[in-house]
Protein backbone atom coordinates (compact mmCIF):
# COMPACT_ATOMS: atom_id res chain seq x y z
CA MET A 1 51.75 75.65 20.28
CA PRO A 2 52.81 79.07 22.23
CA SER A 3 52.37 78.86 26.09
CA ILE A 4 50.69 80.58 27.84
CA GLU A 5 53.55 82.43 29.36
CA LEU A 6 54.54 83.32 26.13
CA LEU A 7 51.23 85.00 25.42
CA LEU A 8 50.79 87.21 28.68
CA ALA A 9 54.19 88.44 27.62
CA LEU A 10 53.04 89.32 24.46
CA LEU A 11 49.88 91.06 26.16
CA ILE A 12 52.10 93.15 28.47
CA GLY A 13 54.15 94.26 25.40
CA VAL A 14 51.10 95.48 23.25
CA LEU A 15 49.39 96.71 26.02
CA THR A 16 52.65 98.65 27.21
CA ALA A 17 53.40 99.53 23.72
CA GLY A 18 50.00 100.93 23.06
CA GLY A 19 49.87 102.39 26.39
CA VAL A 20 53.08 104.69 25.80
CA TRP A 21 52.14 105.42 22.14
CA LEU A 22 48.65 106.84 22.78
CA LEU A 23 50.83 108.71 25.69
CA LEU A 24 53.14 110.75 23.61
CA ARG A 25 50.47 111.73 21.40
CA ALA A 26 48.70 115.36 22.52
CA ARG A 27 45.34 115.21 22.74
CA SER A 28 44.36 115.06 26.82
CA PHE A 29 42.02 111.61 26.07
CA ASP A 30 44.76 110.09 24.06
CA VAL A 31 46.74 110.22 27.23
CA ILE A 32 43.75 109.03 29.34
CA LEU A 33 43.69 106.08 27.30
CA GLY A 34 47.38 105.73 27.35
CA LEU A 35 47.30 105.74 30.64
CA THR A 36 44.47 102.92 30.94
CA LEU A 37 46.40 100.73 28.92
CA LEU A 38 49.38 100.90 31.16
CA SER A 39 47.71 100.33 34.28
CA TYR A 40 45.94 96.85 32.36
CA ALA A 41 49.24 95.66 31.65
CA VAL A 42 51.14 96.20 34.76
CA ASN A 43 47.51 94.43 36.51
CA VAL A 44 48.42 91.31 33.69
CA PHE A 45 51.98 91.62 35.01
CA ILE A 46 51.34 91.94 38.90
CA PHE A 47 48.88 88.84 38.16
CA ALA A 48 51.57 86.51 36.04
CA MET A 49 54.03 87.30 39.05
CA GLY A 50 50.84 84.62 41.22
CA ARG A 51 52.30 81.53 39.24
CA VAL A 52 50.67 80.91 35.66
CA ARG A 53 49.40 77.30 36.36
CA VAL A 54 46.96 75.91 33.64
CA GLY A 55 43.78 73.72 35.51
CA ALA A 56 45.72 73.55 38.49
CA PRO A 57 43.05 74.95 42.08
CA PRO A 58 43.63 77.91 43.36
CA ILE A 59 43.83 76.39 47.01
CA ILE A 60 44.67 72.65 47.95
CA GLY A 61 43.52 71.52 51.50
CA GLY A 62 47.66 69.86 52.69
CA LYS A 63 50.37 71.59 53.74
CA THR A 64 53.04 69.79 52.62
CA PRO A 65 55.82 71.53 50.55
CA ALA A 66 55.41 69.70 47.46
CA THR A 67 51.42 70.69 47.96
CA LEU A 68 52.61 74.46 48.27
CA ALA A 69 54.85 74.77 45.46
CA THR A 70 51.62 74.21 42.78
CA MET A 71 49.17 76.43 44.55
CA ALA A 72 48.76 79.65 42.97
CA ASP A 73 49.81 82.99 44.97
CA PRO A 74 46.72 84.95 46.48
CA LEU A 75 48.33 87.83 47.28
CA PRO A 76 49.44 89.01 43.71
CA GLN A 77 45.10 88.09 42.82
CA ALA A 78 44.58 90.91 45.78
CA LEU A 79 46.78 93.56 44.51
CA VAL A 80 45.53 93.53 41.26
CA LEU A 81 41.66 93.69 43.02
CA THR A 82 43.26 97.14 44.71
CA ALA A 83 44.52 98.63 41.33
CA ILE A 84 41.64 97.58 39.45
CA VAL A 85 39.62 100.18 41.75
CA ILE A 86 42.31 103.02 41.91
CA SER A 87 42.81 103.43 38.32
CA PHE A 88 39.41 102.82 37.71
CA ALA A 89 38.76 105.53 40.08
CA MET A 90 41.90 107.18 38.34
CA THR A 91 40.32 107.18 35.24
CA ALA A 92 36.80 109.10 36.56
CA LEU A 93 39.25 111.85 37.58
CA LEU A 94 41.03 111.88 34.41
CA LEU A 95 38.31 112.31 32.48
CA VAL A 96 36.04 115.08 34.55
CA ILE A 97 39.29 117.10 34.67
CA ALA A 98 39.79 116.80 30.94
CA LEU A 99 35.88 117.56 30.46
CA ARG A 100 36.54 120.23 31.93
CA ALA A 101 39.95 121.52 30.96
CA ARG A 102 38.00 121.58 27.37
CA ALA A 103 35.60 123.27 28.12
CA GLU A 104 37.29 126.38 30.04
CA THR A 105 39.83 126.23 26.64
CA GLY A 106 37.82 125.21 23.92
CA SER A 107 40.67 122.23 23.02
CA ASP A 108 41.28 118.44 24.18
CA HIS A 109 45.06 119.65 23.11
CA VAL A 110 46.91 119.01 26.42
CA ASP A 111 48.62 122.08 26.10
CA GLY A 112 45.08 123.58 25.77
CA ARG A 113 46.17 125.64 22.57
CA GLU A 114 45.82 124.07 19.10
CA GLU A 115 48.65 124.78 16.69
CA GLY A 116 47.71 125.10 13.24
CA GLY A 117 44.53 124.72 11.37
CA ASP A 118 44.02 120.60 13.01
CA GLY A 119 45.83 120.85 15.69
CA ARG A 120 47.57 118.31 15.49
């Protein structure tokens, strides 16, 4: 049975690979999706840095070194919540800019002009 660390590493790798692949495309919507996938990959990576413990409570009452070593770190969780808000705002801004660029140029190619027949 695969461990949760292996599944998280695979998830981060797949999100990163998909994001980079979409970033290298020539359409603005693909680039926006690629940036979104990369931000998801970074969020999962930061969240995984707070120790992955299955079945452990996030907050423990005692302050002994043994109980402090088993509790989850709240700092990565707070960083991920902040990053989610920032990435949502960034995605909304990029979508508005892409829609405006499409209205101005008539194309969603990142250079604003089509290459050949269908632009791909």
